[in-house]
Amino acid sequence: MTNDYGHLALQGRLAAATAEPEEIGFQIRTRVQELGHGCIFLVQKAGA
C-alpha cells in the first residue's frame, strides 16, 4: 500500500497540475493528501 500510494501521489500531482479548471486540480491534490493521511493511520494500526 505504501509503494502504491507513492505512485498515486506522483500521478495525482501530475493530474492536478493538468486539470481544468483549477478547482478540480485542487480537489485531486487535497483528496490524494487525505488518502495519504488515512493510509498512514492504517499502516500504524496494522503495526499495532
All heavy atoms as atom14 arrays in JSON, in Angstrom:
{
  "sequence": "MTNDYGHLALQGRLAAATAEPEEIGFQIRTRVQELGHGCIFLVQKAGA",
  "atom14_mask": [
    [1, 1, 1, 1, 1, 1, 1, 1, 0, 0, 0, 0, 0, 0],
    [1, 1, 1, 1, 1, 1, 1, 0, 0, 0, 0, 0, 0, 0],
    [1, 1, 1, 1, 1, 1, 1, 1, 0, 0, 0, 0, 0, 0],
    [1, 1, 1, 1, 1, 1, 1, 1, 0, 0, 0, 0, 0, 0],
    [1, 1, 1, 1, 1, 1, 1, 1, 1, 1, 1, 1, 0, 0],
    [1, 1, 1, 1, 0, 0, 0, 0, 0, 0, 0, 0, 0, 0],
    [1, 1, 1, 1, 1, 1, 1, 1, 1, 1, 0, 0, 0, 0],
    [1, 1, 1, 1, 1, 1, 1, 1, 0, 0, 0, 0, 0, 0],
    [1, 1, 1, 1, 1, 0, 0, 0, 0, 0, 0, 0, 0, 0],
    [1, 1, 1, 1, 1, 1, 1, 1, 0, 0, 0, 0, 0, 0],
    [1, 1, 1, 1, 1, 1, 1, 1, 1, 0, 0, 0, 0, 0],
    [1, 1, 1, 1, 0, 0, 0, 0, 0, 0, 0, 0, 0, 0],
    [1, 1, 1, 1, 1, 1, 1, 1, 1, 1, 1, 0, 0, 0],
    [1, 1, 1, 1, 1, 1, 1, 1, 0, 0, 0, 0, 0, 0],
    [1, 1, 1, 1, 1, 0, 0, 0, 0, 0, 0, 0, 0, 0],
    [1, 1, 1, 1, 1, 0, 0, 0, 0, 0, 0, 0, 0, 0],
    [1, 1, 1, 1, 1, 0, 0, 0, 0, 0, 0, 0, 0, 0],
    [1, 1, 1, 1, 1, 1, 1, 0, 0, 0, 0, 0, 0, 0],
    [1, 1, 1, 1, 1, 0, 0, 0, 0, 0, 0, 0, 0, 0],
    [1, 1, 1, 1, 1, 1, 1, 1, 1, 0, 0, 0, 0, 0],
    [1, 1, 1, 1, 1, 1, 1, 0, 0, 0, 0, 0, 0, 0],
    [1, 1, 1, 1, 1, 1, 1, 1, 1, 0, 0, 0, 0, 0],
    [1, 1, 1, 1, 1, 1, 1, 1, 1, 0, 0, 0, 0, 0],
    [1, 1, 1, 1, 1, 1, 1, 1, 0, 0, 0, 0, 0, 0],
    [1, 1, 1, 1, 0, 0, 0, 0, 0, 0, 0, 0, 0, 0],
    [1, 1, 1, 1, 1, 1, 1, 1, 1, 1, 1, 0, 0, 0],
    [1, 1, 1, 1, 1, 1, 1, 1, 1, 0, 0, 0, 0, 0],
    [1, 1, 1, 1, 1, 1, 1, 1, 0, 0, 0, 0, 0, 0],
    [1, 1, 1, 1, 1, 1, 1, 1, 1, 1, 1, 0, 0, 0],
    [1, 1, 1, 1, 1, 1, 1, 0, 0, 0, 0, 0, 0, 0],
    [1, 1, 1, 1, 1, 1, 1, 1, 1, 1, 1, 0, 0, 0],
    [1, 1, 1, 1, 1, 1, 1, 0, 0, 0, 0, 0, 0, 0],
    [1, 1, 1, 1, 1, 1, 1, 1, 1, 0, 0, 0, 0, 0],
    [1, 1, 1, 1, 1, 1, 1, 1, 1, 0, 0, 0, 0, 0],
    [1, 1, 1, 1, 1, 1, 1, 1, 0, 0, 0, 0, 0, 0],
    [1, 1, 1, 1, 0, 0, 0, 0, 0, 0, 0, 0, 0, 0],
    [1, 1, 1, 1, 1, 1, 1, 1, 1, 1, 0, 0, 0, 0],
    [1, 1, 1, 1, 0, 0, 0, 0, 0, 0, 0, 0, 0, 0],
    [1, 1, 1, 1, 1, 1, 0, 0, 0, 0, 0, 0, 0, 0],
    [1, 1, 1, 1, 1, 1, 1, 1, 0, 0, 0, 0, 0, 0],
    [1, 1, 1, 1, 1, 1, 1, 1, 1, 1, 1, 0, 0, 0],
    [1, 1, 1, 1, 1, 1, 1, 1, 0, 0, 0, 0, 0, 0],
    [1, 1, 1, 1, 1, 1, 1, 0, 0, 0, 0, 0, 0, 0],
    [1, 1, 1, 1, 1, 1, 1, 1, 1, 0, 0, 0, 0, 0],
    [1, 1, 1, 1, 1, 1, 1, 1, 1, 0, 0, 0, 0, 0],
    [1, 1, 1, 1, 1, 0, 0, 0, 0, 0, 0, 0, 0, 0],
    [1, 1, 1, 1, 0, 0, 0, 0, 0, 0, 0, 0, 0, 0],
    [1, 1, 1, 1, 1, 0, 0, 0, 0, 0, 0, 0, 0, 0]
  ],
  "atom14_positions": [
    [[0.84, -1.2, 0.0], [0.0, 0.0, 0.0], [0.87, 1.25, 0.0], [0.59, 2.22, -0.71], [-0.93, 0.02, 1.21], [-1.87, 1.21, 1.22], [-2.98, 1.26, 2.63], [-1.83, 1.48, 3.95], [0.0, 0.0, 0.0], [0.0, 0.0, 0.0], [0.0, 0.0, 0.0], [0.0, 0.0, 0.0], [0.0, 0.0, 0.0], [0.0, 0.0, 0.0]],
    [[1.94, 1.24, 0.77], [2.85, 2.39, 0.82], [3.47, 2.65, -0.54], [3.52, 3.79, -1.01], [3.93, 2.14, 1.88], [3.3, 1.92, 3.15], [4.87, 3.32, 1.99], [0.0, 0.0, 0.0], [0.0, 0.0, 0.0], [0.0, 0.0, 0.0], [0.0, 0.0, 0.0], [0.0, 0.0, 0.0], [0.0, 0.0, 0.0], [0.0, 0.0, 0.0]],
    [[3.93, 1.6, -1.2], [4.51, 1.75, -2.54], [3.48, 2.27, -3.54], [3.76, 3.17, -4.32], [5.09, 0.42, -3.04], [6.35, 0.03, -2.29], [7.08, 0.87, -1.81], [6.58, -1.27, -2.2], [0.0, 0.0, 0.0], [0.0, 0.0, 0.0], [0.0, 0.0, 0.0], [0.0, 0.0, 0.0], [0.0, 0.0, 0.0], [0.0, 0.0, 0.0]],
    [[2.3, 1.67, -3.5], [1.24, 2.09, -4.43], [0.82, 3.53, -4.18], [0.57, 4.28, -5.12], [0.04, 1.16, -4.31], [0.3, -0.21, -4.91], [1.29, -0.36, -5.65], [-0.48, -1.13, -4.63], [0.0, 0.0, 0.0], [0.0, 0.0, 0.0], [0.0, 0.0, 0.0], [0.0, 0.0, 0.0], [0.0, 0.0, 0.0], [0.0, 0.0, 0.0]],
    [[0.75, 3.91, -2.91], [0.38, 5.3, -2.63], [1.45, 6.26, -3.16], [1.11, 7.33, -3.68], [0.16, 5.55, -1.13], [-0.15, 7.0, -0.89], [-1.42, 7.5, -1.16], [0.83, 7.89, -0.46], [-1.7, 8.84, -1.02], [0.56, 9.23, -0.31], [-0.71, 9.71, -0.59], [-0.98, 11.04, -0.46], [0.0, 0.0, 0.0], [0.0, 0.0, 0.0]],
    [[2.7, 5.89, -3.06], [3.77, 6.73, -3.6], [3.59, 6.97, -5.1], [3.74, 8.1, -5.58], [0.0, 0.0, 0.0], [0.0, 0.0, 0.0], [0.0, 0.0, 0.0], [0.0, 0.0, 0.0], [0.0, 0.0, 0.0], [0.0, 0.0, 0.0], [0.0, 0.0, 0.0], [0.0, 0.0, 0.0], [0.0, 0.0, 0.0], [0.0, 0.0, 0.0]],
    [[3.23, 5.92, -5.83], [2.97, 6.06, -7.26], [1.74, 6.93, -7.5], [1.75, 7.78, -8.39], [2.77, 4.69, -7.92], [3.99, 3.83, -7.91], [5.13, 4.15, -8.62], [4.25, 2.66, -7.28], [6.03, 3.2, -8.43], [5.53, 2.3, -7.61], [0.0, 0.0, 0.0], [0.0, 0.0, 0.0], [0.0, 0.0, 0.0], [0.0, 0.0, 0.0]],
    [[0.7, 6.7, -6.71], [-0.52, 7.51, -6.85], [-0.24, 8.98, -6.57], [-0.75, 9.86, -7.27], [-1.63, 7.0, -5.93], [-2.9, 7.85, -5.93], [-3.6, 7.78, -7.28], [-3.83, 7.43, -4.82], [0.0, 0.0, 0.0], [0.0, 0.0, 0.0], [0.0, 0.0, 0.0], [0.0, 0.0, 0.0], [0.0, 0.0, 0.0], [0.0, 0.0, 0.0]],
    [[0.55, 9.26, -5.55], [0.86, 10.65, -5.21], [1.57, 11.34, -6.37], [1.25, 12.49, -6.71], [1.72, 10.7, -3.95], [0.0, 0.0, 0.0], [0.0, 0.0, 0.0], [0.0, 0.0, 0.0], [0.0, 0.0, 0.0], [0.0, 0.0, 0.0], [0.0, 0.0, 0.0], [0.0, 0.0, 0.0], [0.0, 0.0, 0.0], [0.0, 0.0, 0.0]],
    [[2.49, 10.64, -7.02], [3.18, 11.21, -8.17], [2.21, 11.46, -9.32], [2.17, 12.55, -9.89], [4.31, 10.28, -8.62], [5.05, 10.69, -9.89], [5.78, 12.02, -9.68], [6.03, 9.62, -10.3], [0.0, 0.0, 0.0], [0.0, 0.0, 0.0], [0.0, 0.0, 0.0], [0.0, 0.0, 0.0], [0.0, 0.0, 0.0], [0.0, 0.0, 0.0]],
    [[1.41, 10.46, -9.64], [0.44, 10.61, -10.73], [-0.63, 11.64, -10.38], [-1.09, 12.39, -11.24], [-0.22, 9.26, -11.05], [0.73, 8.23, -11.6], [1.36, 8.66, -12.91], [0.69, 9.21, -13.78], [2.65, 8.45, -13.04], [0.0, 0.0, 0.0], [0.0, 0.0, 0.0], [0.0, 0.0, 0.0], [0.0, 0.0, 0.0], [0.0, 0.0, 0.0]],
    [[-1.02, 11.68, -9.11], [-2.01, 12.67, -8.67], [-1.49, 14.09, -8.82], [-2.22, 15.01, -9.2], [0.0, 0.0, 0.0], [0.0, 0.0, 0.0], [0.0, 0.0, 0.0], [0.0, 0.0, 0.0], [0.0, 0.0, 0.0], [0.0, 0.0, 0.0], [0.0, 0.0, 0.0], [0.0, 0.0, 0.0], [0.0, 0.0, 0.0], [0.0, 0.0, 0.0]],
    [[-0.2, 14.28, -8.53], [0.41, 15.6, -8.69], [0.37, 16.02, -10.16], [0.03, 17.16, -10.48], [1.85, 15.59, -8.17], [2.48, 16.97, -8.12], [3.88, 16.99, -7.52], [4.07, 16.04, -6.43], [5.02, 15.11, -6.42], [5.87, 15.0, -7.41], [5.13, 14.28, -5.4], [0.0, 0.0, 0.0], [0.0, 0.0, 0.0], [0.0, 0.0, 0.0]],
    [[0.68, 15.09, -11.05], [0.63, 15.38, -12.49], [-0.8, 15.67, -12.94], [-1.05, 16.59, -13.72], [1.22, 14.22, -13.29], [2.7, 13.92, -13.05], [3.11, 12.64, -13.76], [3.56, 15.09, -13.49], [0.0, 0.0, 0.0], [0.0, 0.0, 0.0], [0.0, 0.0, 0.0], [0.0, 0.0, 0.0], [0.0, 0.0, 0.0], [0.0, 0.0, 0.0]],
    [[-1.75, 14.88, -12.47], [-3.15, 15.07, -12.84], [-3.66, 16.41, -12.32], [-4.38, 17.13, -13.02], [-4.01, 13.94, -12.29], [0.0, 0.0, 0.0], [0.0, 0.0, 0.0], [0.0, 0.0, 0.0], [0.0, 0.0, 0.0], [0.0, 0.0, 0.0], [0.0, 0.0, 0.0], [0.0, 0.0, 0.0], [0.0, 0.0, 0.0], [0.0, 0.0, 0.0]],
    [[-3.29, 16.77, -11.1], [-3.73, 18.05, -10.52], [-3.15, 19.23, -11.29], [-3.82, 20.25, -11.48], [-3.32, 18.12, -9.05], [0.0, 0.0, 0.0], [0.0, 0.0, 0.0], [0.0, 0.0, 0.0], [0.0, 0.0, 0.0], [0.0, 0.0, 0.0], [0.0, 0.0, 0.0], [0.0, 0.0, 0.0], [0.0, 0.0, 0.0], [0.0, 0.0, 0.0]],
    [[-1.91, 19.08, -11.75], [-1.27, 20.18, -12.48], [-1.9, 20.4, -13.84], [-1.91, 21.54, -14.34], [0.22, 19.89, -12.64], [0.0, 0.0, 0.0], [0.0, 0.0, 0.0], [0.0, 0.0, 0.0], [0.0, 0.0, 0.0], [0.0, 0.0, 0.0], [0.0, 0.0, 0.0], [0.0, 0.0, 0.0], [0.0, 0.0, 0.0], [0.0, 0.0, 0.0]],
    [[-2.45, 19.36, -14.44], [-3.01, 19.49, -15.78], [-4.53, 19.6, -15.8], [-5.11, 19.78, -16.86], [-2.59, 18.29, -16.66], [-3.06, 17.09, -16.05], [-1.09, 18.24, -16.84], [0.0, 0.0, 0.0], [0.0, 0.0, 0.0], [0.0, 0.0, 0.0], [0.0, 0.0, 0.0], [0.0, 0.0, 0.0], [0.0, 0.0, 0.0], [0.0, 0.0, 0.0]],
    [[-5.16, 19.49, -14.64], [-6.62, 19.5, -14.58], [-7.17, 20.89, -14.87], [-6.59, 21.9, -14.49], [-7.1, 19.03, -13.2], [0.0, 0.0, 0.0], [0.0, 0.0, 0.0], [0.0, 0.0, 0.0], [0.0, 0.0, 0.0], [0.0, 0.0, 0.0], [0.0, 0.0, 0.0], [0.0, 0.0, 0.0], [0.0, 0.0, 0.0], [0.0, 0.0, 0.0]],
    [[-8.29, 20.9, -15.57], [-9.02, 22.14, -15.84], [-10.43, 21.93, -15.35], [-11.02, 20.9, -15.63], [-9.02, 22.45, -17.34], [-7.69, 22.9, -17.86], [-7.25, 24.27, -17.34], [-8.14, 25.11, -17.09], [-6.05, 24.48, -17.16], [0.0, 0.0, 0.0], [0.0, 0.0, 0.0], [0.0, 0.0, 0.0], [0.0, 0.0, 0.0], [0.0, 0.0, 0.0]],
    [[-11.01, 22.83, -14.65], [-10.48, 24.06, -14.09], [-9.58, 23.79, -12.89], [-9.46, 22.66, -12.44], [-11.74, 24.82, -13.67], [-12.76, 23.77, -13.4], [-12.43, 22.62, -14.34], [0.0, 0.0, 0.0], [0.0, 0.0, 0.0], [0.0, 0.0, 0.0], [0.0, 0.0, 0.0], [0.0, 0.0, 0.0], [0.0, 0.0, 0.0], [0.0, 0.0, 0.0]],
    [[-8.98, 24.85, -12.4], [-8.01, 24.72, -11.3], [-8.61, 24.08, -10.06], [-7.92, 23.39, -9.32], [-7.42, 26.09, -10.94], [-6.3, 26.52, -11.84], [-5.66, 27.81, -11.34], [-5.53, 27.99, -10.12], [-5.29, 28.62, -12.2], [0.0, 0.0, 0.0], [0.0, 0.0, 0.0], [0.0, 0.0, 0.0], [0.0, 0.0, 0.0], [0.0, 0.0, 0.0]],
    [[-9.89, 24.32, -9.81], [-10.51, 23.77, -8.6], [-10.54, 22.24, -8.64], [-10.46, 21.6, -7.59], [-11.89, 24.34, -8.36], [-12.94, 23.92, -9.38], [-14.26, 24.61, -9.16], [-14.29, 25.85, -9.07], [-15.27, 23.9, -9.08], [0.0, 0.0, 0.0], [0.0, 0.0, 0.0], [0.0, 0.0, 0.0], [0.0, 0.0, 0.0], [0.0, 0.0, 0.0]],
    [[-10.62, 21.66, -9.83], [-10.54, 20.19, -9.94], [-9.15, 19.73, -9.54], [-8.99, 18.75, -8.82], [-10.88, 19.72, -11.37], [-12.32, 20.09, -11.75], [-10.64, 18.23, -11.53], [-13.38, 19.37, -10.98], [0.0, 0.0, 0.0], [0.0, 0.0, 0.0], [0.0, 0.0, 0.0], [0.0, 0.0, 0.0], [0.0, 0.0, 0.0], [0.0, 0.0, 0.0]],
    [[-8.14, 20.46, -9.98], [-6.76, 20.14, -9.59], [-6.58, 20.23, -8.08], [-5.92, 19.39, -7.47], [0.0, 0.0, 0.0], [0.0, 0.0, 0.0], [0.0, 0.0, 0.0], [0.0, 0.0, 0.0], [0.0, 0.0, 0.0], [0.0, 0.0, 0.0], [0.0, 0.0, 0.0], [0.0, 0.0, 0.0], [0.0, 0.0, 0.0], [0.0, 0.0, 0.0]],
    [[-7.19, 21.26, -7.48], [-7.12, 21.41, -6.02], [-7.81, 20.23, -5.34], [-7.3, 19.71, -4.35], [-7.77, 22.74, -5.6], [-7.78, 22.95, -4.12], [-6.62, 23.32, -3.45], [-8.95, 22.77, -3.39], [-6.62, 23.5, -2.08], [-8.96, 22.95, -2.02], [-7.8, 23.32, -1.36], [0.0, 0.0, 0.0], [0.0, 0.0, 0.0], [0.0, 0.0, 0.0]],
    [[-8.96, 19.81, -5.86], [-9.67, 18.66, -5.27], [-8.82, 17.4, -5.36], [-8.74, 16.64, -4.4], [-10.99, 18.41, -6.0], [-12.13, 19.26, -5.55], [-13.42, 18.84, -6.24], [-13.43, 18.06, -7.19], [-14.52, 19.39, -5.76], [0.0, 0.0, 0.0], [0.0, 0.0, 0.0], [0.0, 0.0, 0.0], [0.0, 0.0, 0.0], [0.0, 0.0, 0.0]],
    [[-8.21, 17.18, -6.51], [-7.37, 15.99, -6.67], [-6.24, 16.02, -5.65], [-6.01, 15.03, -4.94], [-6.82, 15.89, -8.11], [-7.94, 15.62, -9.1], [-5.74, 14.8, -8.2], [-7.54, 15.75, -10.56], [0.0, 0.0, 0.0], [0.0, 0.0, 0.0], [0.0, 0.0, 0.0], [0.0, 0.0, 0.0], [0.0, 0.0, 0.0], [0.0, 0.0, 0.0]],
    [[-5.55, 17.15, -5.58], [-4.42, 17.28, -4.66], [-4.86, 17.07, -3.21], [-4.25, 16.31, -2.45], [-3.79, 18.67, -4.84], [-2.47, 18.86, -4.2], [-1.77, 20.17, -4.59], [-2.62, 21.3, -4.94], [-2.92, 21.69, -6.19], [-2.45, 21.03, -7.22], [-3.71, 22.72, -6.42], [0.0, 0.0, 0.0], [0.0, 0.0, 0.0], [0.0, 0.0, 0.0]],
    [[-5.96, 17.7, -2.83], [-6.46, 17.6, -1.45], [-6.88, 16.18, -1.11], [-6.55, 15.65, -0.04], [-7.65, 18.56, -1.24], [-7.23, 19.88, -1.56], [-8.16, 18.52, 0.17], [0.0, 0.0, 0.0], [0.0, 0.0, 0.0], [0.0, 0.0, 0.0], [0.0, 0.0, 0.0], [0.0, 0.0, 0.0], [0.0, 0.0, 0.0], [0.0, 0.0, 0.0]],
    [[-7.61, 15.55, -2.01], [-8.1, 14.2, -1.73], [-6.98, 13.17, -1.71], [-7.03, 12.21, -0.93], [-9.19, 13.84, -2.73], [-10.46, 14.65, -2.47], [-11.54, 14.36, -3.43], [-12.74, 15.13, -3.08], [-13.84, 15.14, -3.79], [-13.91, 14.41, -4.9], [-14.87, 15.86, -3.42], [0.0, 0.0, 0.0], [0.0, 0.0, 0.0], [0.0, 0.0, 0.0]],
    [[-5.98, 13.36, -2.55], [-4.82, 12.44, -2.5], [-4.09, 12.61, -1.17], [-3.66, 11.63, -0.56], [-3.89, 12.67, -3.72], [-2.57, 11.93, -3.53], [-4.57, 12.2, -5.0], [0.0, 0.0, 0.0], [0.0, 0.0, 0.0], [0.0, 0.0, 0.0], [0.0, 0.0, 0.0], [0.0, 0.0, 0.0], [0.0, 0.0, 0.0], [0.0, 0.0, 0.0]],
    [[-3.96, 13.85, -0.68], [-3.33, 14.08, 0.62], [-4.13, 13.45, 1.74], [-3.58, 12.81, 2.65], [-3.16, 15.58, 0.87], [-2.09, 16.22, 0.04], [-2.07, 17.73, 0.18], [-2.96, 18.34, 0.76], [-1.02, 18.35, -0.36], [0.0, 0.0, 0.0], [0.0, 0.0, 0.0], [0.0, 0.0, 0.0], [0.0, 0.0, 0.0], [0.0, 0.0, 0.0]],
    [[-5.46, 13.6, 1.7], [-6.31, 12.99, 2.72], [-6.19, 11.47, 2.7], [-6.16, 10.82, 3.75], [-7.76, 13.41, 2.52], [-8.01, 14.88, 2.82], [-9.4, 15.35, 2.42], [-10.16, 14.56, 1.82], [-9.72, 16.52, 2.69], [0.0, 0.0, 0.0], [0.0, 0.0, 0.0], [0.0, 0.0, 0.0], [0.0, 0.0, 0.0], [0.0, 0.0, 0.0]],
    [[-6.11, 10.92, 1.49], [-5.9, 9.47, 1.37], [-4.57, 9.08, 2.0], [-4.47, 8.06, 2.69], [-5.95, 9.05, -0.1], [-5.63, 7.59, -0.39], [-6.59, 6.65, 0.33], [-5.65, 7.34, -1.89], [0.0, 0.0, 0.0], [0.0, 0.0, 0.0], [0.0, 0.0, 0.0], [0.0, 0.0, 0.0], [0.0, 0.0, 0.0], [0.0, 0.0, 0.0]],
    [[-3.55, 9.89, 1.79], [-2.24, 9.62, 2.39], [-2.31, 9.58, 3.91], [-1.73, 8.69, 4.54], [0.0, 0.0, 0.0], [0.0, 0.0, 0.0], [0.0, 0.0, 0.0], [0.0, 0.0, 0.0], [0.0, 0.0, 0.0], [0.0, 0.0, 0.0], [0.0, 0.0, 0.0], [0.0, 0.0, 0.0], [0.0, 0.0, 0.0], [0.0, 0.0, 0.0]],
    [[-3.04, 10.53, 4.5], [-3.19, 10.53, 5.96], [-3.93, 9.27, 6.42], [-3.54, 8.64, 7.42], [-3.94, 11.78, 6.43], [-3.18, 13.05, 6.22], [-1.98, 13.32, 6.81], [-3.47, 14.13, 5.44], [-1.54, 14.5, 6.43], [-2.43, 15.01, 5.59], [0.0, 0.0, 0.0], [0.0, 0.0, 0.0], [0.0, 0.0, 0.0], [0.0, 0.0, 0.0]],
    [[-4.97, 8.88, 5.67], [-5.69, 7.65, 6.01], [-4.79, 6.42, 5.91], [-4.87, 5.52, 6.75], [0.0, 0.0, 0.0], [0.0, 0.0, 0.0], [0.0, 0.0, 0.0], [0.0, 0.0, 0.0], [0.0, 0.0, 0.0], [0.0, 0.0, 0.0], [0.0, 0.0, 0.0], [0.0, 0.0, 0.0], [0.0, 0.0, 0.0], [0.0, 0.0, 0.0]],
    [[-3.93, 6.4, 4.89], [-3.01, 5.27, 4.72], [-2.01, 5.21, 5.88], [-1.67, 4.12, 6.36], [-2.27, 5.38, 3.4], [-3.29, 5.07, 1.95], [0.0, 0.0, 0.0], [0.0, 0.0, 0.0], [0.0, 0.0, 0.0], [0.0, 0.0, 0.0], [0.0, 0.0, 0.0], [0.0, 0.0, 0.0], [0.0, 0.0, 0.0], [0.0, 0.0, 0.0]],
    [[-1.56, 6.38, 6.34], [-0.64, 6.42, 7.49], [-1.3, 5.79, 8.71], [-0.7, 4.94, 9.39], [-0.2, 7.87, 7.79], [0.73, 8.38, 6.69], [0.47, 7.97, 9.16], [1.01, 9.87, 6.76], [0.0, 0.0, 0.0], [0.0, 0.0, 0.0], [0.0, 0.0, 0.0], [0.0, 0.0, 0.0], [0.0, 0.0, 0.0], [0.0, 0.0, 0.0]],
    [[-2.54, 6.19, 8.99], [-3.25, 5.62, 10.15], [-3.44, 4.12, 9.99], [-3.3, 3.36, 10.95], [-4.6, 6.31, 10.36], [-4.49, 7.75, 10.76], [-5.28, 8.7, 10.15], [-3.6, 8.17, 11.74], [-5.19, 10.04, 10.5], [-3.5, 9.5, 12.1], [-4.3, 10.44, 11.48], [0.0, 0.0, 0.0], [0.0, 0.0, 0.0], [0.0, 0.0, 0.0]],
    [[-3.75, 3.69, 8.76], [-3.96, 2.27, 8.51], [-2.68, 1.48, 8.75], [-2.7, 0.43, 9.39], [-4.47, 2.06, 7.08], [-4.88, 0.66, 6.69], [-6.0, 0.13, 7.58], [-5.32, 0.63, 5.23], [0.0, 0.0, 0.0], [0.0, 0.0, 0.0], [0.0, 0.0, 0.0], [0.0, 0.0, 0.0], [0.0, 0.0, 0.0], [0.0, 0.0, 0.0]],
    [[-1.56, 1.99, 8.28], [-0.27, 1.31, 8.49], [0.07, 1.28, 9.98], [0.55, 0.26, 10.51], [0.85, 1.98, 7.66], [2.22, 1.48, 8.08], [0.62, 1.74, 6.18], [0.0, 0.0, 0.0], [0.0, 0.0, 0.0], [0.0, 0.0, 0.0], [0.0, 0.0, 0.0], [0.0, 0.0, 0.0], [0.0, 0.0, 0.0], [0.0, 0.0, 0.0]],
    [[-0.2, 2.38, 10.69], [0.05, 2.41, 12.13], [-0.77, 1.36, 12.86], [-0.27, 0.65, 13.74], [-0.23, 3.8, 12.7], [0.79, 4.84, 12.3], [0.4, 6.24, 12.72], [-0.77, 6.53, 12.99], [1.38, 7.13, 12.78], [0.0, 0.0, 0.0], [0.0, 0.0, 0.0], [0.0, 0.0, 0.0], [0.0, 0.0, 0.0], [0.0, 0.0, 0.0]],
    [[-2.04, 1.25, 12.49], [-2.91, 0.25, 13.14], [-2.47, -1.17, 12.78], [-2.53, -2.06, 13.62], [-4.38, 0.46, 12.75], [-4.96, 1.75, 13.25], [-4.85, 1.87, 14.75], [-5.28, 3.25, 15.21], [-5.0, 3.48, 16.62], [0.0, 0.0, 0.0], [0.0, 0.0, 0.0], [0.0, 0.0, 0.0], [0.0, 0.0, 0.0], [0.0, 0.0, 0.0]],
    [[-2.02, -1.35, 11.55], [-1.51, -2.68, 11.17], [-0.29, -3.03, 12.01], [-0.15, -4.17, 12.48], [-1.17, -2.7, 9.68], [0.0, 0.0, 0.0], [0.0, 0.0, 0.0], [0.0, 0.0, 0.0], [0.0, 0.0, 0.0], [0.0, 0.0, 0.0], [0.0, 0.0, 0.0], [0.0, 0.0, 0.0], [0.0, 0.0, 0.0], [0.0, 0.0, 0.0]],
    [[0.6, -2.07, 12.21], [1.78, -2.3, 13.06], [1.39, -2.6, 14.5], [1.95, -3.49, 15.13], [0.0, 0.0, 0.0], [0.0, 0.0, 0.0], [0.0, 0.0, 0.0], [0.0, 0.0, 0.0], [0.0, 0.0, 0.0], [0.0, 0.0, 0.0], [0.0, 0.0, 0.0], [0.0, 0.0, 0.0], [0.0, 0.0, 0.0], [0.0, 0.0, 0.0]],
    [[0.41, -1.86, 15.0], [-0.05, -2.08, 16.38], [-0.66, -3.47, 16.53], [-0.44, -4.14, 17.55], [-1.07, -1.02, 16.78], [0.0, 0.0, 0.0], [0.0, 0.0, 0.0], [0.0, 0.0, 0.0], [0.0, 0.0, 0.0], [0.0, 0.0, 0.0], [0.0, 0.0, 0.0], [0.0, 0.0, 0.0], [0.0, 0.0, 0.0], [0.0, 0.0, 0.0]]
  ]
}
